Every structure is written in C-alpha cells, then in structure tokens.
Amino acid sequence: MHQDQIIGENLKSIRQKLGFNQEQVAEYLQINREEISYYENGIRSAPTKILSKMANLYGVDEYDFYEEDFKLSSINLALAFRADNIKPTDLEQIAKFKKIVRNYLSMKSILEHEPTRS
C-alpha cells in the first residue's frame, strides 16, 4: 500500500472514531473540505503542517498516521471529545488541550522509565 493511502486511511479512521466530520476538520485547518477528502483517499500528500495540526486535534502522535497497522489505543480514546455544533474556535481549544495532555503523558512515561539515581 502506498504511504499516502496508509496516512489517508488512518486520518479517516481516527476522524470518524472521534466523531468529527470533514467540514469541521477543514474549518479548523482553514482549508477546503475537498482537501480533507483528498488526504483521506490518498490522492494528495498531506503537508507536515496539516498533519501536525490534525495530530493535535485528534490527540495522537504524528507518527501514528504512518502506521500500517494503526489501532486507536485506549489512551487516545480517553482524549476523545464528541459534541454537536462544534465551532472552529472550539476545535482550536480542544487541540491545544490534547497537545498538553499528550506532552504530559510523554513526560510522565519518560520519567517513569528513567533509572533511579543513588
């Protein structure tokens, strides 16, 4: 499978599991809804900047988009936020919050695996 197709399938799968529609994500990214469709169908490569913003919104690492066998983990489901009539400004706040949580969890994991000093 082509890399753009893998990324596209992951983008679509995660978006759907989190309950967002293409229009909401497009408004958040300030692009046309058609662009989301192109990325999700593997027709176009999503720019790194777009993938970074989507990762923040979805509460995943950017590297997760490249995983051929990506399964949405329970930690990512814990970051899921569903609501009707979400505005782009709401999505921006949700993405910022998820980024903070992901950074916290990464730091916590690093600290827990750091060797103890005597």
PDB file of N, CA and C in Angstrom:
ATOM      1  N   MET A   1       0.857  -1.187   0.000  1.00  0.00           N
ATOM      2  CA  MET A   1       0.000   0.000   0.000  1.00  0.00           C
ATOM      3  C   MET A   1       0.898   1.243   0.000  1.00  0.00           C
ATOM      4  N   HIS A   2       0.523   2.228  -0.749  1.00  0.00           N
ATOM      5  CA  HIS A   2       1.256   3.489  -0.872  1.00  0.00           C
ATOM      6  C   HIS A   2       1.157   4.287   0.431  1.00  0.00           C
ATOM      7  N   GLN A   3       2.220   5.025   0.774  1.00  0.00           N
ATOM      8  CA  GLN A   3       2.257   5.755   2.046  1.00  0.00           C
ATOM      9  C   GLN A   3       1.105   6.754   2.180  1.00  0.00           C
ATOM     10  N   ASP A   4       0.778   7.462   1.101  1.00  0.00           N
ATOM     11  CA  ASP A   4      -0.336   8.416   1.169  1.00  0.00           C
ATOM     12  C   ASP A   4      -1.658   7.709   1.458  1.00  0.00           C
ATOM     13  N   GLN A   5      -1.817   6.481   0.972  1.00  0.00           N
ATOM     14  CA  GLN A   5      -3.036   5.712   1.236  1.00  0.00           C
ATOM     15  C   GLN A   5      -3.083   5.275   2.703  1.00  0.00           C
ATOM     16  N   ILE A   6      -1.945   4.869   3.244  1.00  0.00           N
ATOM     17  CA  ILE A   6      -1.880   4.476   4.653  1.00  0.00           C
ATOM     18  C   ILE A   6      -2.242   5.665   5.534  1.00  0.00           C
ATOM     19  N   ILE A   7      -1.610   6.794   5.261  1.00  0.00           N
ATOM     20  CA  ILE A   7      -1.898   8.008   6.031  1.00  0.00           C
ATOM     21  C   ILE A   7      -3.368   8.374   5.893  1.00  0.00           C
ATOM     22  N   GLY A   8      -3.874   8.319   4.675  1.00  0.00           N
ATOM     23  CA  GLY A   8      -5.268   8.678   4.428  1.00  0.00           C
ATOM     24  C   GLY A   8      -6.244   7.809   5.195  1.00  0.00           C
ATOM     25  N   GLU A   9      -6.000   6.501   5.176  1.00  0.00           N
ATOM     26  CA  GLU A   9      -6.881   5.590   5.911  1.00  0.00           C
ATOM     27  C   GLU A   9      -6.847   5.889   7.411  1.00  0.00           C
ATOM     28  N   ASN A  10      -5.655   6.167   7.926  1.00  0.00           N
ATOM     29  CA  ASN A  10      -5.545   6.488   9.352  1.00  0.00           C
ATOM     30  C   ASN A  10      -6.232   7.807   9.682  1.00  0.00           C
ATOM     31  N   LEU A  11      -6.062   8.806   8.829  1.00  0.00           N
ATOM     32  CA  LEU A  11      -6.727  10.099   9.056  1.00  0.00           C
ATOM     33  C   LEU A  11      -8.239   9.926   9.115  1.00  0.00           C
ATOM     34  N   LYS A  12      -8.766   9.195   8.166  1.00  0.00           N
ATOM     35  CA  LYS A  12     -10.218   8.981   8.100  1.00  0.00           C
ATOM     36  C   LYS A  12     -10.717   8.169   9.291  1.00  0.00           C
ATOM     37  N   SER A  13     -10.024   7.085   9.607  1.00  0.00           N
ATOM     38  CA  SER A  13     -10.422   6.213  10.703  1.00  0.00           C
ATOM     39  C   SER A  13     -10.444   6.968  12.033  1.00  0.00           C
ATOM     40  N   ILE A  14      -9.398   7.699  12.294  1.00  0.00           N
ATOM     41  CA  ILE A  14      -9.318   8.439  13.563  1.00  0.00           C
ATOM     42  C   ILE A  14     -10.397   9.519  13.617  1.00  0.00           C
ATOM     43  N   ARG A  15     -10.544  10.274  12.511  1.00  0.00           N
ATOM     44  CA  ARG A  15     -11.556  11.334  12.470  1.00  0.00           C
ATOM     45  C   ARG A  15     -12.930  10.764  12.778  1.00  0.00           C
ATOM     46  N   GLN A  16     -13.265   9.644  12.133  1.00  0.00           N
ATOM     47  CA  GLN A  16     -14.582   9.047  12.324  1.00  0.00           C
ATOM     48  C   GLN A  16     -14.759   8.529  13.744  1.00  0.00           C
ATOM     49  N   LYS A  17     -13.731   7.906  14.308  1.00  0.00           N
ATOM     50  CA  LYS A  17     -13.833   7.380  15.667  1.00  0.00           C
ATOM     51  C   LYS A  17     -14.022   8.496  16.690  1.00  0.00           C
ATOM     52  N   LEU A  18     -13.501   9.665  16.379  1.00  0.00           N
ATOM     53  CA  LEU A  18     -13.649  10.797  17.295  1.00  0.00           C
ATOM     54  C   LEU A  18     -14.930  11.589  17.036  1.00  0.00           C
ATOM     55  N   GLY A  19     -15.656  11.245  15.989  1.00  0.00           N
ATOM     56  CA  GLY A  19     -16.948  11.866  15.731  1.00  0.00           C
ATOM     57  C   GLY A  19     -16.896  13.204  15.017  1.00  0.00           C
ATOM     58  N   PHE A  20     -15.771  13.515  14.379  1.00  0.00           N
ATOM     59  CA  PHE A  20     -15.676  14.753  13.609  1.00  0.00           C
ATOM     60  C   PHE A  20     -16.075  14.473  12.168  1.00  0.00           C
ATOM     61  N   ASN A  21     -16.627  15.494  11.507  1.00  0.00           N
ATOM     62  CA  ASN A  21     -16.873  15.349  10.074  1.00  0.00           C
ATOM     63  C   ASN A  21     -15.799  16.135   9.316  1.00  0.00           C
ATOM     64  N   GLN A  22     -15.730  15.914   8.029  1.00  0.00           N
ATOM     65  CA  GLN A  22     -14.691  16.561   7.218  1.00  0.00           C
ATOM     66  C   GLN A  22     -14.811  18.080   7.253  1.00  0.00           C
ATOM     67  N   GLU A  23     -16.025  18.567   7.268  1.00  0.00           N
ATOM     68  CA  GLU A  23     -16.241  20.020   7.278  1.00  0.00           C
ATOM     69  C   GLU A  23     -15.663  20.652   8.544  1.00  0.00           C
ATOM     70  N   GLN A  24     -15.891  20.028   9.684  1.00  0.00           N
ATOM     71  CA  GLN A  24     -15.361  20.560  10.944  1.00  0.00           C
ATOM     72  C   GLN A  24     -13.834  20.604  10.924  1.00  0.00           C
ATOM     73  N   VAL A  25     -13.224  19.521  10.470  1.00  0.00           N
ATOM     74  CA  VAL A  25     -11.765  19.454  10.433  1.00  0.00           C
ATOM     75  C   VAL A  25     -11.224  20.479   9.442  1.00  0.00           C
ATOM     76  N   ALA A  26     -11.875  20.615   8.298  1.00  0.00           N
ATOM     77  CA  ALA A  26     -11.444  21.596   7.296  1.00  0.00           C
ATOM     78  C   ALA A  26     -11.516  23.021   7.842  1.00  0.00           C
ATOM     79  N   GLU A  27     -12.593  23.332   8.544  1.00  0.00           N
ATOM     80  CA  GLU A  27     -12.716  24.664   9.138  1.00  0.00           C
ATOM     81  C   GLU A  27     -11.613  24.908  10.159  1.00  0.00           C
ATOM     82  N   TYR A  28     -11.327  23.908  10.988  1.00  0.00           N
ATOM     83  CA  TYR A  28     -10.261  24.013  11.981  1.00  0.00           C
ATOM     84  C   TYR A  28      -8.914  24.256  11.295  1.00  0.00           C
ATOM     85  N   LEU A  29      -8.667  23.548  10.187  1.00  0.00           N
ATOM     86  CA  LEU A  29      -7.396  23.672   9.474  1.00  0.00           C
ATOM     87  C   LEU A  29      -7.373  24.874   8.532  1.00  0.00           C
ATOM     88  N   GLN A  30      -8.520  25.501   8.341  1.00  0.00           N
ATOM     89  CA  GLN A  30      -8.681  26.635   7.438  1.00  0.00           C
ATOM     90  C   GLN A  30      -8.335  26.260   5.994  1.00  0.00           C
ATOM     91  N   ILE A  31      -8.880  25.115   5.580  1.00  0.00           N
ATOM     92  CA  ILE A  31      -8.732  24.649   4.203  1.00  0.00           C
ATOM     93  C   ILE A  31     -10.102  24.201   3.700  1.00  0.00           C
ATOM     94  N   ASN A  32     -10.182  23.858   2.423  1.00  0.00           N
ATOM     95  CA  ASN A  32     -11.438  23.364   1.845  1.00  0.00           C
ATOM     96  C   ASN A  32     -11.700  21.931   2.286  1.00  0.00           C
ATOM     97  N   ARG A  33     -12.974  21.589   2.425  1.00  0.00           N
ATOM     98  CA  ARG A  33     -13.345  20.239   2.796  1.00  0.00           C
ATOM     99  C   ARG A  33     -12.814  19.229   1.787  1.00  0.00           C
ATOM    100  N   GLU A  34     -12.748  19.608   0.533  1.00  0.00           N
ATOM    101  CA  GLU A  34     -12.257  18.714  -0.505  1.00  0.00           C
ATOM    102  C   GLU A  34     -10.825  18.272  -0.232  1.00  0.00           C
ATOM    103  N   GLU A  35     -10.020  19.165   0.349  1.00  0.00           N
ATOM    104  CA  GLU A  35      -8.635  18.819   0.679  1.00  0.00           C
ATOM    105  C   GLU A  35      -8.594  17.671   1.682  1.00  0.00           C
ATOM    106  N   ILE A  36      -9.484  17.698   2.663  1.00  0.00           N
ATOM    107  CA  ILE A  36      -9.553  16.610   3.640  1.00  0.00           C
ATOM    108  C   ILE A  36      -9.852  15.307   2.918  1.00  0.00           C
ATOM    109  N   SER A  37     -10.788  15.345   1.983  1.00  0.00           N
ATOM    110  CA  SER A  37     -11.140  14.164   1.213  1.00  0.00           C
ATOM    111  C   SER A  37      -9.938  13.661   0.407  1.00  0.00           C
ATOM    112  N   TYR A  38      -9.199  14.565  -0.216  1.00  0.00           N
ATOM    113  CA  TYR A  38      -8.008  14.169  -0.981  1.00  0.00           C
ATOM    114  C   TYR A  38      -6.979  13.486  -0.085  1.00  0.00           C
ATOM    115  N   TYR A  39      -6.763  14.036   1.103  1.00  0.00           N
ATOM    116  CA  TYR A  39      -5.793  13.438   2.030  1.00  0.00           C
ATOM    117  C   TYR A  39      -6.267  12.067   2.500  1.00  0.00           C
ATOM    118  N   GLU A  40      -7.539  11.980   2.863  1.00  0.00           N
ATOM    119  CA  GLU A  40      -8.079  10.726   3.388  1.00  0.00           C
ATOM    120  C   GLU A  40      -8.136   9.625   2.328  1.00  0.00           C
ATOM    121  N   ASN A  41      -8.257   9.986   1.079  1.00  0.00           N
ATOM    122  CA  ASN A  41      -8.301   8.999  -0.001  1.00  0.00           C
ATOM    123  C   ASN A  41      -6.927   8.727  -0.601  1.00  0.00           C
ATOM    124  N   GLY A  42      -5.894   9.376  -0.067  1.00  0.00           N
ATOM    125  CA  GLY A  42      -4.536   9.150  -0.548  1.00  0.00           C
ATOM    126  C   GLY A  42      -4.262   9.752  -1.904  1.00  0.00           C
ATOM    127  N   ILE A  43      -5.122  10.665  -2.352  1.00  0.00           N
ATOM    128  CA  ILE A  43      -4.948  11.307  -3.658  1.00  0.00           C
ATOM    129  C   ILE A  43      -3.833  12.349  -3.593  1.00  0.00           C
ATOM    130  N   ARG A  44      -3.739  13.032  -2.471  1.00  0.00           N
ATOM    131  CA  ARG A  44      -2.694  14.042  -2.249  1.00  0.00           C
ATOM    132  C   ARG A  44      -1.985  13.767  -0.941  1.00  0.00           C
ATOM    133  N   SER A  45      -0.726  14.168  -0.897  1.00  0.00           N
ATOM    134  CA  SER A  45       0.055  14.069   0.340  1.00  0.00           C
ATOM    135  C   SER A  45      -0.320  15.237   1.243  1.00  0.00           C
ATOM    136  N   ALA A  46      -0.595  14.934   2.488  1.00  0.00           N
ATOM    137  CA  ALA A  46      -0.902  15.995   3.447  1.00  0.00           C
ATOM    138  C   ALA A  46       0.408  16.650   3.883  1.00  0.00           C
ATOM    139  N   PRO A  47       0.475  17.987   3.841  1.00  0.00           N
ATOM    140  CA  PRO A  47       1.681  18.675   4.296  1.00  0.00           C
ATOM    141  C   PRO A  47       1.936  18.419   5.785  1.00  0.00           C
ATOM    142  N   THR A  48       3.179  18.477   6.165  1.00  0.00           N
ATOM    143  CA  THR A  48       3.573  18.237   7.551  1.00  0.00           C
ATOM    144  C   THR A  48       2.825  19.155   8.511  1.00  0.00           C
ATOM    145  N   LYS A  49       2.658  20.411   8.130  1.00  0.00           N
ATOM    146  CA  LYS A  49       1.948  21.376   8.992  1.00  0.00           C
ATOM    147  C   LYS A  49       0.512  20.923   9.248  1.00  0.00           C
ATOM    148  N   ILE A  50      -0.139  20.410   8.217  1.00  0.00           N
ATOM    149  CA  ILE A  50      -1.514  19.923   8.342  1.00  0.00           C
ATOM    150  C   ILE A  50      -1.548  18.689   9.238  1.00  0.00           C
ATOM    151  N   LEU A  51      -0.619  17.742   9.024  1.00  0.00           N
ATOM    152  CA  LEU A  51      -0.573  16.539   9.845  1.00  0.00           C
ATOM    153  C   LEU A  51      -0.329  16.883  11.309  1.00  0.00           C
ATOM    154  N   SER A  52       0.501  17.861  11.558  1.00  0.00           N
ATOM    155  CA  SER A  52       0.782  18.286  12.929  1.00  0.00           C
ATOM    156  C   SER A  52      -0.470  18.834  13.604  1.00  0.00           C
ATOM    157  N   LYS A  53      -1.206  19.670  12.897  1.00  0.00           N
ATOM    158  CA  LYS A  53      -2.432  20.229  13.461  1.00  0.00           C
ATOM    159  C   LYS A  53      -3.501  19.149  13.664  1.00  0.00           C
ATOM    160  N   MET A  54      -3.570  18.198  12.733  1.00  0.00           N
ATOM    161  CA  MET A  54      -4.541  17.105  12.871  1.00  0.00           C
ATOM    162  C   MET A  54      -4.167  16.218  14.059  1.00  0.00           C
ATOM    163  N   ALA A  55      -2.888  15.971  14.234  1.00  0.00           N
ATOM    164  CA  ALA A  55      -2.433  15.154  15.366  1.00  0.00           C
ATOM    165  C   ALA A  55      -2.834  15.810  16.683  1.00  0.00           C
ATOM    166  N   ASN A  56      -2.688  17.122  16.766  1.00  0.00           N
ATOM    167  CA  ASN A  56      -3.100  17.833  17.980  1.00  0.00           C
ATOM    168  C   ASN A  56      -4.594  17.719  18.206  1.00  0.00           C
ATOM    169  N   LEU A  57      -5.363  17.891  17.160  1.00  0.00           N
ATOM    170  CA  LEU A  57      -6.818  17.812  17.280  1.00  0.00           C
ATOM    171  C   LEU A  57      -7.273  16.404  17.661  1.00  0.00           C
ATOM    172  N   TYR A  58      -6.642  15.399  17.062  1.00  0.00           N
ATOM    173  CA  TYR A  58      -7.048  14.018  17.297  1.00  0.00           C
ATOM    174  C   TYR A  58      -6.428  13.418  18.553  1.00  0.00           C
ATOM    175  N   GLY A  59      -5.431  14.086  19.121  1.00  0.00           N
ATOM    176  CA  GLY A  59      -4.801  13.582  20.339  1.00  0.00           C
ATOM    177  C   GLY A  59      -3.893  12.390  20.095  1.00  0.00           C
ATOM    178  N   VAL A  60      -3.243  12.354  18.931  1.00  0.00           N
ATOM    179  CA  VAL A  60      -2.318  11.273  18.591  1.00  0.00           C
ATOM    180  C   VAL A  60      -0.972  11.881  18.208  1.00  0.00           C
ATOM    181  N   ASP A  61       0.042  11.037  18.102  1.00  0.00           N
ATOM    182  CA  ASP A  61       1.331  11.479  17.603  1.00  0.00           C
ATOM    183  C   ASP A  61       1.277  11.494  16.083  1.00  0.00           C
ATOM    184  N   GLU A  62       2.021  12.404  15.473  1.00  0.00           N
ATOM    185  CA  GLU A  62       2.059  12.462  14.013  1.00  0.00           C
ATOM    186  C   GLU A  62       2.512  11.134  13.417  1.00  0.00           C
ATOM    187  N   TYR A  63       3.411  10.450  14.108  1.00  0.00           N
ATOM    188  CA  TYR A  63       3.919   9.173  13.613  1.00  0.00           C
ATOM    189  C   TYR A  63       2.811   8.121  13.501  1.00  0.00           C
ATOM    190  N   ASP A  64       1.756   8.270  14.282  1.00  0.00           N
ATOM    191  CA  ASP A  64       0.649   7.316  14.229  1.00  0.00           C
ATOM    192  C   ASP A  64      -0.010   7.292  12.848  1.00  0.00           C
ATOM    193  N   PHE A  65       0.034   8.404  12.143  1.00  0.00           N
ATOM    194  CA  PHE A  65      -0.577   8.467  10.820  1.00  0.00           C
ATOM    195  C   PHE A  65       0.143   7.565   9.815  1.00  0.00           C
ATOM    196  N   TYR A  66       1.405   7.252  10.082  1.00  0.00           N
ATOM    197  CA  TYR A  66       2.220   6.469   9.156  1.00  0.00           C
ATOM    198  C   TYR A  66       2.156   4.961   9.432  1.00  0.00           C
ATOM    199  N   GLU A  67       1.506   4.575  10.518  1.00  0.00           N
ATOM    200  CA  GLU A  67       1.452   3.176  10.921  1.00  0.00           C
ATOM    201  C   GLU A  67       0.502   2.375  10.041  1.00  0.00           C
ATOM    202  N   GLU A  68       1.025   1.316   9.439  1.00  0.00           N
ATOM    203  CA  GLU A  68       0.198   0.489   8.569  1.00  0.00           C
ATOM    204  C   GLU A  68      -0.856  -0.285   9.357  1.00  0.00           C
ATOM    205  N   ASP A  69      -0.546  -0.658  10.596  1.00  0.00           N
ATOM    206  CA  ASP A  69      -1.482  -1.410  11.433  1.00  0.00           C
ATOM    207  C   ASP A  69      -1.973  -0.569  12.602  1.00  0.00           C
ATOM    208  N   PHE A  70      -2.212   0.690  12.366  1.00  0.00           N
ATOM    209  CA  PHE A  70      -2.602   1.581  13.455  1.00  0.00           C
ATOM    210  C   PHE A  70      -3.956   1.202  14.020  1.00  0.00           C
ATOM    211  N   LYS A  71      -3.999   1.051  15.322  1.00  0.00           N
ATOM    212  CA  LYS A  71      -5.247   0.836  16.053  1.00  0.00           C
ATOM    213  C   LYS A  71      -5.340   1.947  17.086  1.00  0.00           C
ATOM    214  N   LEU A  72      -6.485   2.569  17.164  1.00  0.00           N
ATOM    215  CA  LEU A  72      -6.668   3.661  18.118  1.00  0.00           C
ATOM    216  C   LEU A  72      -6.618   3.102  19.529  1.00  0.00           C
ATOM    217  N   SER A  73      -5.589   3.487  20.266  1.00  0.00           N
ATOM    218  CA  SER A  73      -5.394   2.933  21.610  1.00  0.00           C
ATOM    219  C   SER A  73      -6.364   3.543  22.610  1.00  0.00           C
ATOM    220  N   SER A  74      -6.479   2.901  23.763  1.00  0.00           N
ATOM    221  CA  SER A  74      -7.405   3.371  24.792  1.00  0.00           C
ATOM    222  C   SER A  74      -7.009   4.741  25.310  1.00  0.00           C
ATOM    223  N   ILE A  75      -5.701   5.040  25.316  1.00  0.00           N
ATOM    224  CA  ILE A  75      -5.274   6.362  25.791  1.00  0.00           C
ATOM    225  C   ILE A  75      -5.791   7.441  24.843  1.00  0.00           C
ATOM    226  N   ASN A  76      -5.798   7.157  23.538  1.00  0.00           N
ATOM    227  CA  ASN A  76      -6.321   8.124  22.589  1.00  0.00           C
ATOM    228  C   ASN A  76      -7.835   8.241  22.705  1.00  0.00           C
ATOM    229  N   LEU A  77      -8.500   7.133  22.995  1.00  0.00           N
ATOM    230  CA  LEU A  77      -9.943   7.199  23.197  1.00  0.00           C
ATOM    231  C   LEU A  77     -10.274   8.043  24.423  1.00  0.00           C
ATOM    232  N   ALA A  78      -9.383   8.037  25.421  1.00  0.00           N
ATOM    233  CA  ALA A  78      -9.602   8.847  26.609  1.00  0.00           C
ATOM    234  C   ALA A  78      -9.572  10.325  26.266  1.00  0.00           C
ATOM    235  N   LEU A  79      -8.896  10.672  25.179  1.00  0.00           N
ATOM    236  CA  LEU A  79      -8.813  12.065  24.763  1.00  0.00           C
ATOM    237  C   LEU A  79      -9.930  12.451  23.795  1.00  0.00           C
ATOM    238  N   ALA A  80     -10.791  11.512  23.484  1.00  0.00           N
ATOM    239  CA  ALA A  80     -11.856  11.775  22.523  1.00  0.00           C
ATOM    240  C   ALA A  80     -12.844  12.796  23.083  1.00  0.00           C
ATOM    241  N   PHE A  81     -13.323  13.631  22.205  1.00  0.00           N
ATOM    242  CA  PHE A  81     -14.290  14.654  22.583  1.00  0.00           C
ATOM    243  C   PHE A  81     -15.345  14.692  21.501  1.00  0.00           C
ATOM    244  N   ARG A  82     -16.572  14.451  21.891  1.00  0.00           N
ATOM    245  CA  ARG A  82     -17.665  14.452  20.922  1.00  0.00           C
ATOM    246  C   ARG A  82     -18.697  15.504  21.324  1.00  0.00           C
ATOM    247  N   ALA A  83     -19.133  16.242  20.340  1.00  0.00           N
ATOM    248  CA  ALA A  83     -20.183  17.224  20.575  1.00  0.00           C
ATOM    249  C   ALA A  83     -20.738  17.667  19.228  1.00  0.00           C
ATOM    250  N   ASP A  84     -21.973  18.075  19.234  1.00  0.00           N
ATOM    251  CA  ASP A  84     -22.581  18.605  18.026  1.00  0.00           C
ATOM    252  C   ASP A  84     -22.312  20.105  17.959  1.00  0.00           C
ATOM    253  N   ASN A  85     -22.361  20.630  16.759  1.00  0.00           N
ATOM    254  CA  ASN A  85     -22.228  22.069  16.521  1.00  0.00           C
ATOM    255  C   ASN A  85     -20.934  22.647  17.080  1.00  0.00           C
ATOM    256  N   ILE A  86     -19.832  21.957  16.871  1.00  0.00           N
ATOM    257  CA  ILE A  86     -18.542  22.460  17.319  1.00  0.00           C
ATOM    258  C   ILE A  86     -18.074  23.538  16.356  1.00  0.00           C
ATOM    259  N   LYS A  87     -17.597  24.642  16.895  1.00  0.00           N
ATOM    260  CA  LYS A  87     -17.085  25.752  16.101  1.00  0.00           C
ATOM    261  C   LYS A  87     -15.582  25.567  15.907  1.00  0.00           C
ATOM    262  N   PRO A  88     -15.013  26.164  14.860  1.00  0.00           N
ATOM    263  CA  PRO A  88     -13.568  26.067  14.651  1.00  0.00           C
ATOM    264  C   PRO A  88     -12.761  26.563  15.860  1.00  0.00           C
ATOM    265  N   THR A  89     -13.264  27.585  16.541  1.00  0.00           N
ATOM    266  CA  THR A  89     -12.551  28.083  17.722  1.00  0.00           C
ATOM    267  C   THR A  89     -12.575  27.048  18.845  1.00  0.00           C
ATOM    268  N   ASP A  90     -13.667  26.283  18.934  1.00  0.00           N
ATOM    269  CA  ASP A  90     -13.737  25.200  19.924  1.00  0.00           C
ATOM    270  C   ASP A  90     -12.709  24.125  19.592  1.00  0.00           C
ATOM    271  N   LEU A  91     -12.601  23.802  18.310  1.00  0.00           N
ATOM    272  CA  LEU A  91     -11.645  22.778  17.894  1.00  0.00           C
ATOM    273  C   LEU A  91     -10.216  23.213  18.202  1.00  0.00           C
ATOM    274  N   GLU A  92      -9.936  24.481  18.046  1.00  0.00           N
ATOM    275  CA  GLU A  92      -8.601  25.003  18.361  1.00  0.00           C
ATOM    276  C   GLU A  92      -8.286  24.790  19.840  1.00  0.00           C
ATOM    277  N   GLN A  93      -9.242  25.063  20.705  1.00  0.00           N
ATOM    278  CA  GLN A  93      -9.040  24.871  22.148  1.00  0.00           C
ATOM    279  C   GLN A  93      -8.900  23.389  22.493  1.00  0.00           C
ATOM    280  N   ILE A  94      -9.695  22.547  21.856  1.00  0.00           N
ATOM    281  CA  ILE A  94      -9.613  21.105  22.086  1.00  0.00           C
ATOM    282  C   ILE A  94      -8.236  20.601  21.671  1.00  0.00           C
ATOM    283  N   ALA A  95      -7.757  21.049  20.513  1.00  0.00           N
ATOM    284  CA  ALA A  95      -6.444  20.614  20.024  1.00  0.00           C
ATOM    285  C   ALA A  95      -5.333  21.048  20.968  1.00  0.00           C
ATOM    286  N   LYS A  96      -5.408  22.272  21.475  1.00  0.00           N
ATOM    287  CA  LYS A  96      -4.388  22.753  22.416  1.00  0.00           C
ATOM    288  C   LYS A  96      -4.395  21.919  23.694  1.00  0.00           C
ATOM    289  N   PHE A  97      -5.572  21.611  24.192  1.00  0.00           N
ATOM    290  CA  PHE A  97      -5.680  20.811  25.401  1.00  0.00           C
ATOM    291  C   PHE A  97      -5.106  19.411  25.175  1.00  0.00           C
ATOM    292  N   LYS A  98      -5.458  18.786  24.053  1.00  0.00           N
ATOM    293  CA  LYS A  98      -4.963  17.446  23.767  1.00  0.00           C
ATOM    294  C   LYS A  98      -3.445  17.439  23.629  1.00  0.00           C
ATOM    295  N   LYS A  99      -2.892  18.501  23.056  1.00  0.00           N
ATOM    296  CA  LYS A  99      -1.437  18.593  22.920  1.00  0.00           C
ATOM    297  C   LYS A  99      -0.785  18.647  24.303  1.00  0.00           C
ATOM    298  N   ILE A 100      -1.360  19.404  25.205  1.00  0.00           N
ATOM    299  CA  ILE A 100      -0.835  19.483  26.575  1.00  0.00           C
ATOM    300  C   ILE A 100      -0.895  18.119  27.243  1.00  0.00           C
ATOM    301  N   VAL A 101      -2.022  17.432  27.105  1.00  0.00           N
ATOM    302  CA  VAL A 101      -2.179  16.113  27.722  1.00  0.00           C
ATOM    303  C   VAL A 101      -1.170  15.130  27.135  1.00  0.00           C
ATOM    304  N   ARG A 102      -1.013  15.130  25.798  1.00  0.00           N
ATOM    305  CA  ARG A 102      -0.046  14.224  25.171  1.00  0.00           C
ATOM    306  C   ARG A 102       1.367  14.512  25.653  1.00  0.00           C
ATOM    307  N   ASN A 103       1.725  15.783  25.755  1.00  0.00           N
ATOM    308  CA  ASN A 103       3.061  16.141  26.242  1.00  0.00           C
ATOM    309  C   ASN A 103       3.251  15.689  27.686  1.00  0.00           C
ATOM    310  N   TYR A 104       2.232  15.871  28.498  1.00  0.00           N
ATOM    311  CA  TYR A 104       2.300  15.433  29.889  1.00  0.00           C
ATOM    312  C   TYR A 104       2.502  13.925  29.973  1.00  0.00           C
ATOM    313  N   LEU A 105       1.715  13.173  29.206  1.00  0.00           N
ATOM    314  CA  LEU A 105       1.827  11.712  29.227  1.00  0.00           C
ATOM    315  C   LEU A 105       3.189  11.239  28.732  1.00  0.00           C
ATOM    316  N   SER A 106       3.730  11.936  27.737  1.00  0.00           N
ATOM    317  CA  SER A 106       5.068  11.588  27.245  1.00  0.00           C
ATOM    318  C   SER A 106       6.118  11.842  28.315  1.00  0.00           C
ATOM    319  N   MET A 107       6.034  12.979  28.966  1.00  0.00           N
ATOM    320  CA  MET A 107       6.995  13.310  30.029  1.00  0.00           C
ATOM    321  C   MET A 107       6.872  12.324  31.184  1.00  0.00           C
ATOM    322  N   LYS A 108       5.656  11.987  31.550  1.00  0.00           N
ATOM    323  CA  LYS A 108       5.435  11.041  32.637  1.00  0.00           C
ATOM    324  C   LYS A 108       6.039   9.685  32.301  1.00  0.00           C
ATOM    325  N   SER A 109       5.849   9.243  31.077  1.00  0.00           N
ATOM    326  CA  SER A 109       6.397   7.966  30.645  1.00  0.00           C
ATOM    327  C   SER A 109       7.926   7.975  30.688  1.00  0.00           C
ATOM    328  N   ILE A 110       8.522   9.049  30.250  1.00  0.00           N
ATOM    329  CA  ILE A 110       9.983   9.177  30.265  1.00  0.00           C
ATOM    330  C   ILE A 110      10.494   9.140  31.705  1.00  0.00           C
ATOM    331  N   LEU A 111       9.851   9.877  32.583  1.00  0.00           N
ATOM    332  CA  LEU A 111      10.283   9.934  33.973  1.00  0.00           C
ATOM    333  C   LEU A 111      10.114   8.593  34.678  1.00  0.00           C
ATOM    334  N   GLU A 112       9.071   7.865  34.339  1.00  0.00           N
ATOM    335  CA  GLU A 112       8.836   6.566  34.956  1.00  0.00           C
ATOM    336  C   GLU A 112       9.865   5.539  34.506  1.00  0.00           C
ATOM    337  N   HIS A 113      10.429   5.699  33.332  1.00  0.00           N
ATOM    338  CA  HIS A 113      11.391   4.752  32.817  1.00  0.00           C
ATOM    339  C   HIS A 113      12.825   5.202  32.998  1.00  0.00           C
ATOM    340  N   GLU A 114      13.006   6.351  33.623  1.00  0.00           N
ATOM    341  CA  GLU A 114      14.350   6.858  33.882  1.00  0.00           C
ATOM    342  C   GLU A 114      14.969   6.083  35.026  1.00  0.00           C
ATOM    343  N   PRO A 115      16.243   5.669  34.901  1.00  0.00           N
ATOM    344  CA  PRO A 115      16.870   4.932  36.002  1.00  0.00           C
ATOM    345  C   PRO A 115      16.972   5.793  37.246  1.00  0.00           C
ATOM    346  N   THR A 116      16.781   5.156  38.390  1.00  0.00           N
ATOM    347  CA  THR A 116      16.857   5.884  39.651  1.00  0.00           C
ATOM    348  C   THR A 116      18.316   6.202  39.946  1.00  0.00           C
ATOM    349  N   ARG A 117      18.531   7.354  40.530  1.00  0.00           N
ATOM    350  CA  ARG A 117      19.890   7.801  40.865  1.00  0.00           C
ATOM    351  C   ARG A 117      20.122   7.624  42.362  1.00  0.00           C
ATOM    352  N   SER A 118      21.263   7.132  42.676  1.00  0.00           N
ATOM    353  CA  SER A 118      21.586   6.912  44.100  1.00  0.00           C
ATOM    354  C   SER A 118      22.626   7.902  44.567  1.00  0.00           C
TER     355      SER A 118
END
